[in-house]
Amino acid sequence: MKKEIKREKRYRRHRRVRAKIFGTARRPRLCVFKSSKHIYAQLIDDEKGRTLATASDRELNRKTQSEKRKATTKNLKQETTTRTGKVAIAYEVGKLIAAKALEKKIEKVVFDRGGYKYHGRAKALADGSREGGLKF
């Protein structure tokens, strides 16, 4: 019962966010979905209703994931931050979706956090895509 209520609250937040943002072919929507085990990202053109690119942690090699769990990166304050576990994997998914977007000559996107709070895995995915070359 509690799980259904939690899902419904996220769905309501997501509808509120979606009422304000819209993706186009020139500036698609970067949509995030988190499950308990995986994280997914899509670039969506809402005008045509098409998905332009997708990325998920399932695409990353298992070996790469174990290495990335211990990866060290720098944040905006030039301090060293260690991302571990699912957050590190989300960061790599962000870099992967950015690489796919740049292949298709997409540099600017609109970030759709999907009703999730902007912290943790959703923030790591956004940071990874920014470092990969996307502009929000």
C-alpha atoms as a PDB file:
ATOM      1  CA  MET A   1       0.000   0.000   0.000  1.00  0.00           C
ATOM      2  CA  LYS A   2       2.747   2.460   0.947  1.00  0.00           C
ATOM      3  CA  LYS A   3       4.635   1.658  -2.272  1.00  0.00           C
ATOM      4  CA  GLU A   4       1.579   2.526  -4.376  1.00  0.00           C
ATOM      5  CA  ILE A   5       1.126   5.844  -2.565  1.00  0.00           C
ATOM      6  CA  LYS A   6       4.792   6.694  -3.106  1.00  0.00           C
ATOM      7  CA  ARG A   7       4.521   5.856  -6.822  1.00  0.00           C
ATOM      8  CA  GLU A   8       1.376   7.967  -7.162  1.00  0.00           C
ATOM      9  CA  LYS A   9       3.078  10.975  -5.526  1.00  0.00           C
ATOM     10  CA  ARG A  10       6.019  10.691  -7.946  1.00  0.00           C
ATOM     11  CA  TYR A  11       3.600  10.439 -10.851  1.00  0.00           C
ATOM     12  CA  ARG A  12       1.838  13.639  -9.730  1.00  0.00           C
ATOM     13  CA  ARG A  13       5.157  15.484  -9.423  1.00  0.00           C
ATOM     14  CA  HIS A  14       6.157  14.220 -12.863  1.00  0.00           C
ATOM     15  CA  ARG A  15       2.939  15.527 -14.438  1.00  0.00           C
ATOM     16  CA  ARG A  16       3.578  18.925 -12.837  1.00  0.00           C
ATOM     17  CA  VAL A  17       7.107  19.017 -14.268  1.00  0.00           C
ATOM     18  CA  ARG A  18       5.943  17.846 -17.702  1.00  0.00           C
ATOM     19  CA  ALA A  19       3.377  20.656 -17.885  1.00  0.00           C
ATOM     20  CA  LYS A  20       6.244  23.157 -17.882  1.00  0.00           C
ATOM     21  CA  ILE A  21       8.907  21.548 -20.097  1.00  0.00           C
ATOM     22  CA  PHE A  22       8.753  20.500 -23.729  1.00  0.00           C
ATOM     23  CA  GLY A  23      11.401  18.956 -25.979  1.00  0.00           C
ATOM     24  CA  THR A  24      11.950  19.839 -29.627  1.00  0.00           C
ATOM     25  CA  ALA A  25      14.172  18.390 -32.333  1.00  0.00           C
ATOM     26  CA  ARG A  26      16.767  21.127 -31.753  1.00  0.00           C
ATOM     27  CA  ARG A  27      16.525  20.942 -27.955  1.00  0.00           C
ATOM     28  CA  PRO A  28      15.166  17.539 -26.886  1.00  0.00           C
ATOM     29  CA  ARG A  29      14.035  16.550 -23.417  1.00  0.00           C
ATOM     30  CA  LEU A  30      16.516  14.475 -21.384  1.00  0.00           C
ATOM     31  CA  CYS A  31      14.201  12.211 -19.412  1.00  0.00           C
ATOM     32  CA  VAL A  32      15.373  10.182 -16.389  1.00  0.00           C
ATOM     33  CA  PHE A  33      13.784   7.016 -15.019  1.00  0.00           C
ATOM     34  CA  LYS A  34      15.070   5.202 -11.945  1.00  0.00           C
ATOM     35  CA  SER A  35      14.132   1.736 -10.843  1.00  0.00           C
ATOM     36  CA  SER A  36      15.456   0.131  -7.693  1.00  0.00           C
ATOM     37  CA  LYS A  37      18.294  -1.547  -9.616  1.00  0.00           C
ATOM     38  CA  HIS A  38      18.782   0.422 -12.839  1.00  0.00           C
ATOM     39  CA  ILE A  39      18.722   3.931 -14.279  1.00  0.00           C
ATOM     40  CA  TYR A  40      17.641   4.949 -17.766  1.00  0.00           C
ATOM     41  CA  ALA A  41      17.951   8.158 -19.803  1.00  0.00           C
ATOM     42  CA  GLN A  42      16.220   9.138 -23.036  1.00  0.00           C
ATOM     43  CA  LEU A  43      16.391  12.072 -25.415  1.00  0.00           C
ATOM     44  CA  ILE A  44      12.832  12.749 -26.587  1.00  0.00           C
ATOM     45  CA  ASP A  45      11.458  15.030 -29.315  1.00  0.00           C
ATOM     46  CA  ASP A  46       7.957  15.867 -28.056  1.00  0.00           C
ATOM     47  CA  GLU A  47       6.894  17.557 -31.297  1.00  0.00           C
ATOM     48  CA  LYS A  48       7.092  14.312 -33.252  1.00  0.00           C
ATOM     49  CA  GLY A  49       6.738  11.962 -30.294  1.00  0.00           C
ATOM     50  CA  ARG A  50      10.038  10.220 -31.039  1.00  0.00           C
ATOM     51  CA  THR A  51      12.875   8.959 -28.902  1.00  0.00           C
ATOM     52  CA  LEU A  52      16.158  10.171 -30.390  1.00  0.00           C
ATOM     53  CA  ALA A  53      18.626   8.300 -28.153  1.00  0.00           C
ATOM     54  CA  THR A  54      18.615   6.062 -25.106  1.00  0.00           C
ATOM     55  CA  ALA A  55      21.175   4.990 -22.538  1.00  0.00           C
ATOM     56  CA  SER A  56      21.027   2.806 -19.468  1.00  0.00           C
ATOM     57  CA  ASP A  57      23.335   1.149 -17.020  1.00  0.00           C
ATOM     58  CA  ARG A  58      22.610  -2.156 -18.734  1.00  0.00           C
ATOM     59  CA  GLU A  59      24.685  -0.950 -21.691  1.00  0.00           C
ATOM     60  CA  LEU A  60      27.742  -0.466 -19.540  1.00  0.00           C
ATOM     61  CA  ASN A  61      29.934  -3.525 -19.150  1.00  0.00           C
ATOM     62  CA  ARG A  62      29.904  -5.237 -15.783  1.00  0.00           C
ATOM     63  CA  LYS A  63      33.654  -4.766 -15.599  1.00  0.00           C
ATOM     64  CA  THR A  64      33.307  -1.076 -16.350  1.00  0.00           C
ATOM     65  CA  GLN A  65      30.665  -0.707 -13.653  1.00  0.00           C
ATOM     66  CA  SER A  66      32.869  -2.212 -10.971  1.00  0.00           C
ATOM     67  CA  GLU A  67      35.709   0.124 -11.951  1.00  0.00           C
ATOM     68  CA  LYS A  68      33.400   3.152 -12.048  1.00  0.00           C
ATOM     69  CA  ARG A  69      32.046   2.423  -8.577  1.00  0.00           C
ATOM     70  CA  LYS A  70      35.431   3.458  -7.261  1.00  0.00           C
ATOM     71  CA  ALA A  71      35.903   6.356  -9.694  1.00  0.00           C
ATOM     72  CA  THR A  72      37.009   9.728  -8.432  1.00  0.00           C
ATOM     73  CA  THR A  73      35.826  12.903 -10.139  1.00  0.00           C
ATOM     74  CA  LYS A  74      36.065  16.644  -9.553  1.00  0.00           C
ATOM     75  CA  ASN A  75      33.081  18.853  -8.898  1.00  0.00           C
ATOM     76  CA  LEU A  76      32.618  22.603  -9.442  1.00  0.00           C
ATOM     77  CA  LYS A  77      34.429  23.571  -6.226  1.00  0.00           C
ATOM     78  CA  GLN A  78      37.567  21.762  -7.429  1.00  0.00           C
ATOM     79  CA  GLU A  79      37.344  19.355  -4.507  1.00  0.00           C
ATOM     80  CA  THR A  80      37.747  15.664  -5.105  1.00  0.00           C
ATOM     81  CA  THR A  81      34.496  13.763  -4.708  1.00  0.00           C
ATOM     82  CA  THR A  82      34.219  10.009  -4.721  1.00  0.00           C
ATOM     83  CA  ARG A  83      31.091   8.593  -6.283  1.00  0.00           C
ATOM     84  CA  THR A  84      30.341   5.024  -5.324  1.00  0.00           C
ATOM     85  CA  GLY A  85      27.715   2.423  -6.118  1.00  0.00           C
ATOM     86  CA  LYS A  86      24.631   3.420  -8.075  1.00  0.00           C
ATOM     87  CA  VAL A  87      25.558   7.103  -8.093  1.00  0.00           C
ATOM     88  CA  ALA A  88      28.796   6.362  -9.961  1.00  0.00           C
ATOM     89  CA  ILE A  89      26.906   4.215 -12.464  1.00  0.00           C
ATOM     90  CA  ALA A  90      24.337   7.012 -12.999  1.00  0.00           C
ATOM     91  CA  TYR A  91      27.212   9.422 -13.653  1.00  0.00           C
ATOM     92  CA  GLU A  92      28.548   7.102 -16.367  1.00  0.00           C
ATOM     93  CA  VAL A  93      25.082   6.759 -17.919  1.00  0.00           C
ATOM     94  CA  GLY A  94      25.014  10.564 -18.138  1.00  0.00           C
ATOM     95  CA  LYS A  95      28.316  10.554 -19.978  1.00  0.00           C
ATOM     96  CA  LEU A  96      27.025   7.810 -22.286  1.00  0.00           C
ATOM     97  CA  ILE A  97      23.829   9.695 -23.216  1.00  0.00           C
ATOM     98  CA  ALA A  98      25.902  12.836 -23.825  1.00  0.00           C
ATOM     99  CA  ALA A  99      28.169  10.946 -26.219  1.00  0.00           C
ATOM    100  CA  LYS A 100      25.162   9.594 -28.115  1.00  0.00           C
ATOM    101  CA  ALA A 101      23.627  13.076 -28.281  1.00  0.00           C
ATOM    102  CA  LEU A 102      26.816  14.632 -29.621  1.00  0.00           C
ATOM    103  CA  GLU A 103      26.940  11.939 -32.322  1.00  0.00           C
ATOM    104  CA  LYS A 104      23.545  13.184 -33.483  1.00  0.00           C
ATOM    105  CA  LYS A 105      24.736  16.815 -33.249  1.00  0.00           C
ATOM    106  CA  ILE A 106      22.578  17.663 -30.237  1.00  0.00           C
ATOM    107  CA  GLU A 107      24.280  20.011 -27.787  1.00  0.00           C
ATOM    108  CA  LYS A 108      21.401  21.576 -25.830  1.00  0.00           C
ATOM    109  CA  VAL A 109      18.742  19.688 -23.891  1.00  0.00           C
ATOM    110  CA  VAL A 110      15.922  20.303 -21.431  1.00  0.00           C
ATOM    111  CA  PHE A 111      16.355  18.234 -18.268  1.00  0.00           C
ATOM    112  CA  ASP A 112      13.311  16.251 -17.110  1.00  0.00           C
ATOM    113  CA  ARG A 113      13.997  14.839 -13.654  1.00  0.00           C
ATOM    114  CA  GLY A 114      10.896  12.651 -13.877  1.00  0.00           C
ATOM    115  CA  GLY A 115       9.345  13.688 -10.587  1.00  0.00           C
ATOM    116  CA  TYR A 116      12.440  12.717  -8.616  1.00  0.00           C
ATOM    117  CA  LYS A 117      14.255  15.131  -6.325  1.00  0.00           C
ATOM    118  CA  TYR A 118      17.341  16.681  -7.879  1.00  0.00           C
ATOM    119  CA  HIS A 119      19.926  14.835  -5.811  1.00  0.00           C
ATOM    120  CA  GLY A 120      21.570  11.442  -5.716  1.00  0.00           C
ATOM    121  CA  ARG A 121      21.336   9.426  -8.915  1.00  0.00           C
ATOM    122  CA  ALA A 122      19.321  12.006 -10.881  1.00  0.00           C
ATOM    123  CA  LYS A 123      21.865  14.731 -10.085  1.00  0.00           C
ATOM    124  CA  ALA A 124      24.780  12.406 -10.901  1.00  0.00           C
ATOM    125  CA  LEU A 125      23.246  11.631 -14.300  1.00  0.00           C
ATOM    126  CA  ALA A 126      22.849  15.364 -14.976  1.00  0.00           C
ATOM    127  CA  ASP A 127      26.438  16.061 -13.891  1.00  0.00           C
ATOM    128  CA  GLY A 128      27.739  13.262 -16.109  1.00  0.00           C
ATOM    129  CA  SER A 129      25.862  14.535 -19.134  1.00  0.00           C
ATOM    130  CA  ARG A 130      27.125  18.075 -18.491  1.00  0.00           C
ATOM    131  CA  GLU A 131      30.683  16.794 -18.331  1.00  0.00           C
ATOM    132  CA  GLY A 132      30.037  14.814 -21.504  1.00  0.00           C
ATOM    133  CA  GLY A 133      29.279  18.061 -23.352  1.00  0.00           C
ATOM    134  CA  LEU A 134      25.536  18.708 -23.051  1.00  0.00           C
ATOM    135  CA  LYS A 135      24.220  22.115 -22.080  1.00  0.00           C
ATOM    136  CA  PHE A 136      21.045  22.461 -19.993  1.00  0.00           C
END
